[in-house]
Amino acid sequence: MKLTVPLVLITLSSAIVATPSNGQTDAKPVATKERIEKLIESLASKHEPPTPDSRVLTKEEKSIWKAVDELMIIGIEALPALIDHFDDERFSFTESNVSGSRLDNPVLHQTVGRLCYRIVTAQVQKYVSWSGPDPRDSPGYRSTVVPTKKEEAVKWINERMEKALWELQKENLSLVITQNEELLAKIEKGSNDHQLCKMAIKKNSELIAKLERTKKPLPSTSPRPWYDR
């Protein structure tokens, strides 16, 4: 289904028919502009935000993740409103820091804007996994065509208003392939990196072929941190 909302974010139509993010079309919920905004409001914590230096994980608020799930089901029609909140600095939730700096900063405090960004990228950014060398540091693993800054993201989505979600996913997969092709020409043949690049090109090309054949988006999972589930 093509995205048919208006070209300006602040003039979203008051009634939007949503397509579930898993590509199914047999149960289409109807989401109004007001409903989408109410769901985004629900992404803000109902409790007092922790101090910036707090290292304590806050209690999980199920209402936040219930709203996330519904926004994911609504799918592409909610993307403009979500992008409009990329600069929303209200506190949303805490999560464990699994990066190399976790000893200095074991708990991350996430904003509504950051969660909105995750909901958008969870639907657009696709990457195929495979057995073999760990792909997490390979080109394209974290690549996304969705800009992090609101102004750039607004421009990005406005230029793609007539595209379906599967087409946005194809755009992201194409970026992954391009990055791997560029590196493939520079690295030693037979190395682990060379293997990773060749496999990434092959597997992600297969995903693009599937998208073009079915004209349906690939399934999306919740952007909730897996290590806190």
C-alpha atoms as a PDB file:
ATOM      1  CA  MET A   1       0.000   0.000   0.000  1.00  0.00           C
ATOM      2  CA  LYS A   2       1.344   3.382  -0.955  1.00  0.00           C
ATOM      3  CA  LEU A   3       1.750   6.120   1.609  1.00  0.00           C
ATOM      4  CA  THR A   4      -0.890   8.712   0.868  1.00  0.00           C
ATOM      5  CA  VAL A   5      -0.590  11.177   3.732  1.00  0.00           C
ATOM      6  CA  PRO A   6      -0.009  14.847   2.832  1.00  0.00           C
ATOM      7  CA  LEU A   7       3.452  16.189   2.115  1.00  0.00           C
ATOM      8  CA  VAL A   8       3.617  18.422   5.177  1.00  0.00           C
ATOM      9  CA  LEU A   9       3.940  16.786   8.562  1.00  0.00           C
ATOM     10  CA  ILE A  10       1.746  19.247  10.417  1.00  0.00           C
ATOM     11  CA  THR A  11      -1.123  18.652   8.016  1.00  0.00           C
ATOM     12  CA  LEU A  12      -1.462  14.905   8.384  1.00  0.00           C
ATOM     13  CA  SER A  13      -4.966  13.817   7.494  1.00  0.00           C
ATOM     14  CA  SER A  14      -7.271  13.224  10.429  1.00  0.00           C
ATOM     15  CA  ALA A  15      -8.064   9.679   9.308  1.00  0.00           C
ATOM     16  CA  ILE A  16      -5.362   7.256   8.254  1.00  0.00           C
ATOM     17  CA  VAL A  17      -5.745   3.618   7.316  1.00  0.00           C
ATOM     18  CA  ALA A  18      -2.820   1.673   8.734  1.00  0.00           C
ATOM     19  CA  THR A  19      -1.047  -1.322   7.258  1.00  0.00           C
ATOM     20  CA  PRO A  20       0.381  -3.756   9.818  1.00  0.00           C
ATOM     21  CA  SER A  21       4.175  -3.663   9.794  1.00  0.00           C
ATOM     22  CA  ASN A  22       4.399  -7.384   9.082  1.00  0.00           C
ATOM     23  CA  GLY A  23       2.914  -6.847   5.643  1.00  0.00           C
ATOM     24  CA  GLN A  24      -0.385  -8.599   6.403  1.00  0.00           C
ATOM     25  CA  THR A  25      -3.506  -6.948   5.026  1.00  0.00           C
ATOM     26  CA  ASP A  26      -6.321  -8.963   6.548  1.00  0.00           C
ATOM     27  CA  ALA A  27      -6.810  -6.841   9.669  1.00  0.00           C
ATOM     28  CA  LYS A  28      -6.312  -3.155   9.000  1.00  0.00           C
ATOM     29  CA  PRO A  29      -6.786  -0.992  12.081  1.00  0.00           C
ATOM     30  CA  VAL A  30      -7.829   2.584  11.458  1.00  0.00           C
ATOM     31  CA  ALA A  31      -5.548   5.121  13.117  1.00  0.00           C
ATOM     32  CA  THR A  32      -6.485   8.781  13.264  1.00  0.00           C
ATOM     33  CA  LYS A  33      -3.936  11.554  13.583  1.00  0.00           C
ATOM     34  CA  GLU A  34      -5.142  12.036  17.135  1.00  0.00           C
ATOM     35  CA  ARG A  35      -4.679   8.347  17.957  1.00  0.00           C
ATOM     36  CA  ILE A  36      -1.118   8.339  16.637  1.00  0.00           C
ATOM     37  CA  GLU A  37      -0.278  11.440  18.657  1.00  0.00           C
ATOM     38  CA  LYS A  38      -1.824   9.898  21.768  1.00  0.00           C
ATOM     39  CA  LEU A  39       0.317   6.801  21.308  1.00  0.00           C
ATOM     40  CA  ILE A  40       3.435   8.944  20.958  1.00  0.00           C
ATOM     41  CA  GLU A  41       2.444  10.782  24.132  1.00  0.00           C
ATOM     42  CA  SER A  42       2.330   7.381  25.831  1.00  0.00           C
ATOM     43  CA  LEU A  43       6.020   6.906  25.043  1.00  0.00           C
ATOM     44  CA  ALA A  44       6.856   9.447  27.754  1.00  0.00           C
ATOM     45  CA  SER A  45       7.403   8.042  31.230  1.00  0.00           C
ATOM     46  CA  LYS A  46       4.681   8.777  33.755  1.00  0.00           C
ATOM     47  CA  HIS A  47       7.263   8.922  36.528  1.00  0.00           C
ATOM     48  CA  GLU A  48       9.777  11.534  37.577  1.00  0.00           C
ATOM     49  CA  PRO A  49      12.861  11.165  35.339  1.00  0.00           C
ATOM     50  CA  PRO A  50      16.021   9.952  37.056  1.00  0.00           C
ATOM     51  CA  THR A  51      18.933  12.288  37.613  1.00  0.00           C
ATOM     52  CA  PRO A  52      21.442  12.335  34.739  1.00  0.00           C
ATOM     53  CA  ASP A  53      24.059  10.515  36.813  1.00  0.00           C
ATOM     54  CA  SER A  54      21.683   7.786  38.048  1.00  0.00           C
ATOM     55  CA  ARG A  55      22.946   4.241  37.486  1.00  0.00           C
ATOM     56  CA  VAL A  56      19.694   2.549  38.459  1.00  0.00           C
ATOM     57  CA  LEU A  57      17.364   1.012  35.889  1.00  0.00           C
ATOM     58  CA  THR A  58      13.883   2.450  36.255  1.00  0.00           C
ATOM     59  CA  LYS A  59      10.887   0.154  36.613  1.00  0.00           C
ATOM     60  CA  GLU A  60       9.514  -0.985  33.275  1.00  0.00           C
ATOM     61  CA  GLU A  61       6.366   0.844  32.198  1.00  0.00           C
ATOM     62  CA  LYS A  62       4.262  -1.579  30.187  1.00  0.00           C
ATOM     63  CA  SER A  63       2.158   1.263  28.772  1.00  0.00           C
ATOM     64  CA  ILE A  64       5.202   2.536  26.862  1.00  0.00           C
ATOM     65  CA  TRP A  65       5.850  -0.769  25.131  1.00  0.00           C
ATOM     66  CA  LYS A  66       2.150  -1.318  24.481  1.00  0.00           C
ATOM     67  CA  ALA A  67       2.153   2.007  22.619  1.00  0.00           C
ATOM     68  CA  VAL A  68       5.308   0.959  20.750  1.00  0.00           C
ATOM     69  CA  ASP A  69       3.640  -2.264  19.638  1.00  0.00           C
ATOM     70  CA  GLU A  70       0.593  -0.414  18.322  1.00  0.00           C
ATOM     71  CA  LEU A  71       2.722   2.130  16.472  1.00  0.00           C
ATOM     72  CA  MET A  72       4.618  -0.738  14.889  1.00  0.00           C
ATOM     73  CA  ILE A  73       1.328  -2.299  13.759  1.00  0.00           C
ATOM     74  CA  ILE A  74       0.159   1.013  12.278  1.00  0.00           C
ATOM     75  CA  GLY A  75       3.388   1.001  10.324  1.00  0.00           C
ATOM     76  CA  ILE A  76       4.369   3.473   7.657  1.00  0.00           C
ATOM     77  CA  GLU A  77       1.437   5.849   8.229  1.00  0.00           C
ATOM     78  CA  ALA A  78       2.845   6.697  11.673  1.00  0.00           C
ATOM     79  CA  LEU A  79       6.345   7.496  10.393  1.00  0.00           C
ATOM     80  CA  PRO A  80       5.798  11.234   9.703  1.00  0.00           C
ATOM     81  CA  ALA A  81       4.417  11.864  13.197  1.00  0.00           C
ATOM     82  CA  LEU A  82       7.188   9.793  14.779  1.00  0.00           C
ATOM     83  CA  ILE A  83       9.800  11.768  12.855  1.00  0.00           C
ATOM     84  CA  ASP A  84       8.154  14.980  14.015  1.00  0.00           C
ATOM     85  CA  HIS A  85       9.066  13.893  17.564  1.00  0.00           C
ATOM     86  CA  PHE A  86      12.730  13.092  16.902  1.00  0.00           C
ATOM     87  CA  ASP A  87      13.646  16.161  18.970  1.00  0.00           C
ATOM     88  CA  ASP A  88      11.329  15.237  21.871  1.00  0.00           C
ATOM     89  CA  GLU A  89      13.560  15.402  24.961  1.00  0.00           C
ATOM     90  CA  ARG A  90      11.073  13.981  27.460  1.00  0.00           C
ATOM     91  CA  PHE A  91      12.341  10.992  29.417  1.00  0.00           C
ATOM     92  CA  SER A  92      11.054   7.609  28.262  1.00  0.00           C
ATOM     93  CA  PHE A  93      13.002   4.670  29.725  1.00  0.00           C
ATOM     94  CA  THR A  94      16.369   3.382  30.895  1.00  0.00           C
ATOM     95  CA  GLU A  95      18.339   0.478  29.490  1.00  0.00           C
ATOM     96  CA  SER A  96      21.562  -1.371  30.145  1.00  0.00           C
ATOM     97  CA  ASN A  97      24.621  -0.081  28.327  1.00  0.00           C
ATOM     98  CA  VAL A  98      26.301  -2.967  26.532  1.00  0.00           C
ATOM     99  CA  SER A  99      28.930  -0.866  24.776  1.00  0.00           C
ATOM    100  CA  GLY A 100      32.573  -0.671  25.765  1.00  0.00           C
ATOM    101  CA  SER A 101      31.857   2.245  28.087  1.00  0.00           C
ATOM    102  CA  ARG A 102      29.378   0.376  30.285  1.00  0.00           C
ATOM    103  CA  LEU A 103      31.675   0.496  33.346  1.00  0.00           C
ATOM    104  CA  ASP A 104      31.695   4.285  33.250  1.00  0.00           C
ATOM    105  CA  ASN A 105      28.046   4.567  32.234  1.00  0.00           C
ATOM    106  CA  PRO A 106      26.171   1.282  32.873  1.00  0.00           C
ATOM    107  CA  VAL A 107      22.690   2.773  32.446  1.00  0.00           C
ATOM    108  CA  LEU A 108      21.464   4.786  29.460  1.00  0.00           C
ATOM    109  CA  HIS A 109      18.585   7.248  29.788  1.00  0.00           C
ATOM    110  CA  GLN A 110      16.533   7.309  26.593  1.00  0.00           C
ATOM    111  CA  THR A 111      14.202  10.067  25.443  1.00  0.00           C
ATOM    112  CA  VAL A 112      10.892   9.931  23.600  1.00  0.00           C
ATOM    113  CA  GLY A 113      12.698  11.237  20.524  1.00  0.00           C
ATOM    114  CA  ARG A 114      15.236   8.428  20.618  1.00  0.00           C
ATOM    115  CA  LEU A 115      12.480   5.834  20.959  1.00  0.00           C
ATOM    116  CA  CYS A 116      10.603   7.377  18.018  1.00  0.00           C
ATOM    117  CA  TYR A 117      13.788   7.048  15.973  1.00  0.00           C
ATOM    118  CA  ARG A 118      14.076   3.398  16.940  1.00  0.00           C
ATOM    119  CA  ILE A 119      10.473   2.692  15.943  1.00  0.00           C
ATOM    120  CA  VAL A 120      11.092   4.197  12.511  1.00  0.00           C
ATOM    121  CA  THR A 121      14.410   2.465  11.882  1.00  0.00           C
ATOM    122  CA  ALA A 122      13.084  -0.865  13.177  1.00  0.00           C
ATOM    123  CA  GLN A 123      10.725  -0.878  10.194  1.00  0.00           C
ATOM    124  CA  VAL A 124      13.036   0.579   7.549  1.00  0.00           C
ATOM    125  CA  GLN A 125      16.411  -0.914   8.465  1.00  0.00           C
ATOM    126  CA  LYS A 126      16.725  -4.585   7.518  1.00  0.00           C
ATOM    127  CA  TYR A 127      19.771  -6.790   7.739  1.00  0.00           C
ATOM    128  CA  VAL A 128      20.035 -10.509   7.185  1.00  0.00           C
ATOM    129  CA  SER A 129      21.981 -12.657   9.630  1.00  0.00           C
ATOM    130  CA  TRP A 130      23.938 -15.763   8.713  1.00  0.00           C
ATOM    131  CA  SER A 131      26.264 -18.331  10.257  1.00  0.00           C
ATOM    132  CA  GLY A 132      29.975 -17.661  10.174  1.00  0.00           C
ATOM    133  CA  PRO A 133      32.068 -14.635  11.172  1.00  0.00           C
ATOM    134  CA  ASP A 134      30.415 -12.161  13.513  1.00  0.00           C
ATOM    135  CA  PRO A 135      28.810  -9.531  11.226  1.00  0.00           C
ATOM    136  CA  ARG A 136      28.277  -6.813  13.832  1.00  0.00           C
ATOM    137  CA  ASP A 137      31.333  -4.790  12.826  1.00  0.00           C
ATOM    138  CA  SER A 138      30.903  -5.326   9.107  1.00  0.00           C
ATOM    139  CA  PRO A 139      29.820  -2.545   6.713  1.00  0.00           C
ATOM    140  CA  GLY A 140      26.088  -1.978   6.654  1.00  0.00           C
ATOM    141  CA  TYR A 141      25.195  -3.820   9.843  1.00  0.00           C
ATOM    142  CA  ARG A 142      23.998  -0.623  11.530  1.00  0.00           C
ATOM    143  CA  SER A 143      23.521   1.440   8.372  1.00  0.00           C
ATOM    144  CA  THR A 144      20.238   3.227   7.947  1.00  0.00           C
ATOM    145  CA  VAL A 145      18.896   5.685   5.403  1.00  0.00           C
ATOM    146  CA  VAL A 146      16.866   7.398   8.153  1.00  0.00           C
ATOM    147  CA  PRO A 147      18.616  10.605   9.302  1.00  0.00           C
ATOM    148  CA  THR A 148      18.978  11.067  13.057  1.00  0.00           C
ATOM    149  CA  LYS A 149      18.331  14.815  13.024  1.00  0.00           C
ATOM    150  CA  LYS A 150      14.696  15.878  12.802  1.00  0.00           C
ATOM    151  CA  GLU A 151      15.143  18.493  10.061  1.00  0.00           C
ATOM    152  CA  GLU A 152      16.952  16.044   7.796  1.00  0.00           C
ATOM    153  CA  ALA A 153      14.503  13.248   8.602  1.00  0.00           C
ATOM    154  CA  VAL A 154      11.512  15.457   7.769  1.00  0.00           C
ATOM    155  CA  LYS A 155      13.047  16.224   4.376  1.00  0.00           C
ATOM    156  CA  TRP A 156      13.804  12.516   3.873  1.00  0.00           C
ATOM    157  CA  ILE A 157      10.244  11.314   4.557  1.00  0.00           C
ATOM    158  CA  ASN A 158       8.629  14.177   2.617  1.00  0.00           C
ATOM    159  CA  GLU A 159      10.605  13.129  -0.461  1.00  0.00           C
ATOM    160  CA  ARG A 160       9.281   9.571  -0.085  1.00  0.00           C
ATOM    161  CA  MET A 161       5.605  10.153   0.654  1.00  0.00           C
ATOM    162  CA  GLU A 162       4.528   8.130  -2.373  1.00  0.00           C
ATOM    163  CA  LYS A 163       6.682   5.131  -1.495  1.00  0.00           C
ATOM    164  CA  ALA A 164       5.520   1.980   0.257  1.00  0.00           C
ATOM    165  CA  LEU A 165       7.347   0.564   3.274  1.00  0.00           C
ATOM    166  CA  TRP A 166       8.882  -2.235   1.225  1.00  0.00           C
ATOM    167  CA  GLU A 167      10.434   0.382  -1.048  1.00  0.00           C
ATOM    168  CA  LEU A 168      12.003   2.148   1.943  1.00  0.00           C
ATOM    169  CA  GLN A 169      13.372  -1.195   3.090  1.00  0.00           C
ATOM    170  CA  LYS A 170      14.793  -1.791  -0.381  1.00  0.00           C
ATOM    171  CA  GLU A 171      16.519   1.599  -0.246  1.00  0.00           C
ATOM    172  CA  ASN A 172      18.170   0.664   3.043  1.00  0.00           C
ATOM    173  CA  LEU A 173      19.257  -2.744   1.773  1.00  0.00           C
ATOM    174  CA  SER A 174      20.755  -1.090  -1.307  1.00  0.00           C
ATOM    175  CA  LEU A 175      22.844   1.119   0.975  1.00  0.00           C
ATOM    176  CA  VAL A 176      24.167  -1.969   2.767  1.00  0.00           C
ATOM    177  CA  ILE A 177      25.110  -3.603  -0.533  1.00  0.00           C
ATOM    178  CA  THR A 178      26.837  -0.456  -1.804  1.00  0.00           C
ATOM    179  CA  GLN A 179      28.946  -0.135   1.339  1.00  0.00           C
ATOM    180  CA  ASN A 180      30.026  -3.772   1.126  1.00  0.00           C
ATOM    181  CA  GLU A 181      30.838  -3.502  -2.580  1.00  0.00           C
ATOM    182  CA  GLU A 182      33.041  -0.487  -1.908  1.00  0.00           C
ATOM    183  CA  LEU A 183      34.982  -2.308   0.800  1.00  0.00           C
ATOM    184  CA  LEU A 184      35.181  -5.550  -1.170  1.00  0.00           C
ATOM    185  CA  ALA A 185      37.375  -3.864  -3.760  1.00  0.00           C
ATOM    186  CA  LYS A 186      39.882  -2.775  -1.102  1.00  0.00           C
ATOM    187  CA  ILE A 187      40.397  -5.810   1.133  1.00  0.00           C
ATOM    188  CA  GLU A 188      42.399  -8.999   0.764  1.00  0.00           C
ATOM    189  CA  LYS A 189      40.632 -11.875  -0.931  1.00  0.00           C
ATOM    190  CA  GLY A 190      39.989 -14.855   1.298  1.00  0.00           C
ATOM    191  CA  SER A 191      40.064 -12.827   4.537  1.00  0.00           C
ATOM    192  CA  ASN A 192      37.197 -12.874   7.031  1.00  0.00           C
ATOM    193  CA  ASP A 193      36.231  -9.348   5.988  1.00  0.00           C
ATOM    194  CA  HIS A 194      36.169 -10.419   2.362  1.00  0.00           C
ATOM    195  CA  GLN A 195      33.895 -13.334   3.278  1.00  0.00           C
ATOM    196  CA  LEU A 196      31.597 -11.054   5.243  1.00  0.00           C
ATOM    197  CA  CYS A 197      31.275  -8.568   2.400  1.00  0.00           C
ATOM    198  CA  LYS A 198      30.505 -11.237  -0.218  1.00  0.00           C
ATOM    199  CA  MET A 199      27.917 -12.860   2.042  1.00  0.00           C
ATOM    200  CA  ALA A 200      26.300  -9.526   2.900  1.00  0.00           C
ATOM    201  CA  ILE A 201      25.989  -8.625  -0.786  1.00  0.00           C
ATOM    202  CA  LYS A 202      24.489 -12.022  -1.612  1.00  0.00           C
ATOM    203  CA  LYS A 203      22.029 -12.228   1.288  1.00  0.00           C
ATOM    204  CA  ASN A 204      20.829  -8.649   1.128  1.00  0.00           C
ATOM    205  CA  SER A 205      20.434  -8.890  -2.653  1.00  0.00           C
ATOM    206  CA  GLU A 206      18.184 -11.888  -2.024  1.00  0.00           C
ATOM    207  CA  LEU A 207      16.078  -9.754   0.332  1.00  0.00           C
ATOM    208  CA  ILE A 208      15.734  -7.059  -2.318  1.00  0.00           C
ATOM    209  CA  ALA A 209      14.622  -9.681  -4.837  1.00  0.00           C
ATOM    210  CA  LYS A 210      12.001 -10.888  -2.371  1.00  0.00           C
ATOM    211  CA  LEU A 211      10.722  -7.354  -1.796  1.00  0.00           C
ATOM    212  CA  GLU A 212      10.459  -6.716  -5.538  1.00  0.00           C
ATOM    213  CA  ARG A 213       8.672 -10.025  -6.054  1.00  0.00           C
ATOM    214  CA  THR A 214       6.130  -9.748  -3.234  1.00  0.00           C
ATOM    215  CA  LYS A 215       5.739  -5.965  -3.013  1.00  0.00           C
ATOM    216  CA  LYS A 216       5.304  -6.491   0.741  1.00  0.00           C
ATOM    217  CA  PRO A 217       7.524  -5.243   3.578  1.00  0.00           C
ATOM    218  CA  LEU A 218       9.738  -7.588   5.532  1.00  0.00           C
ATOM    219  CA  PRO A 219       8.513  -8.301   9.092  1.00  0.00           C
ATOM    220  CA  SER A 220       9.606  -5.932  11.840  1.00  0.00           C
ATOM    221  CA  THR A 221      10.281  -6.650  15.498  1.00  0.00           C
ATOM    222  CA  SER A 222       9.948  -4.393  18.515  1.00  0.00           C
ATOM    223  CA  PRO A 223      12.811  -1.927  19.031  1.00  0.00           C
ATOM    224  CA  ARG A 224      12.829  -2.800  22.706  1.00  0.00           C
ATOM    225  CA  PRO A 225      16.397  -3.696  23.782  1.00  0.00           C
ATOM    226  CA  TRP A 226      16.764  -7.456  23.580  1.00  0.00           C
ATOM    227  CA  TYR A 227      19.044  -7.577  26.618  1.00  0.00           C
ATOM    228  CA  ASP A 228      16.376  -6.017  28.847  1.00  0.00           C
ATOM    229  CA  ARG A 229      13.527  -8.303  27.748  1.00  0.00           C
END
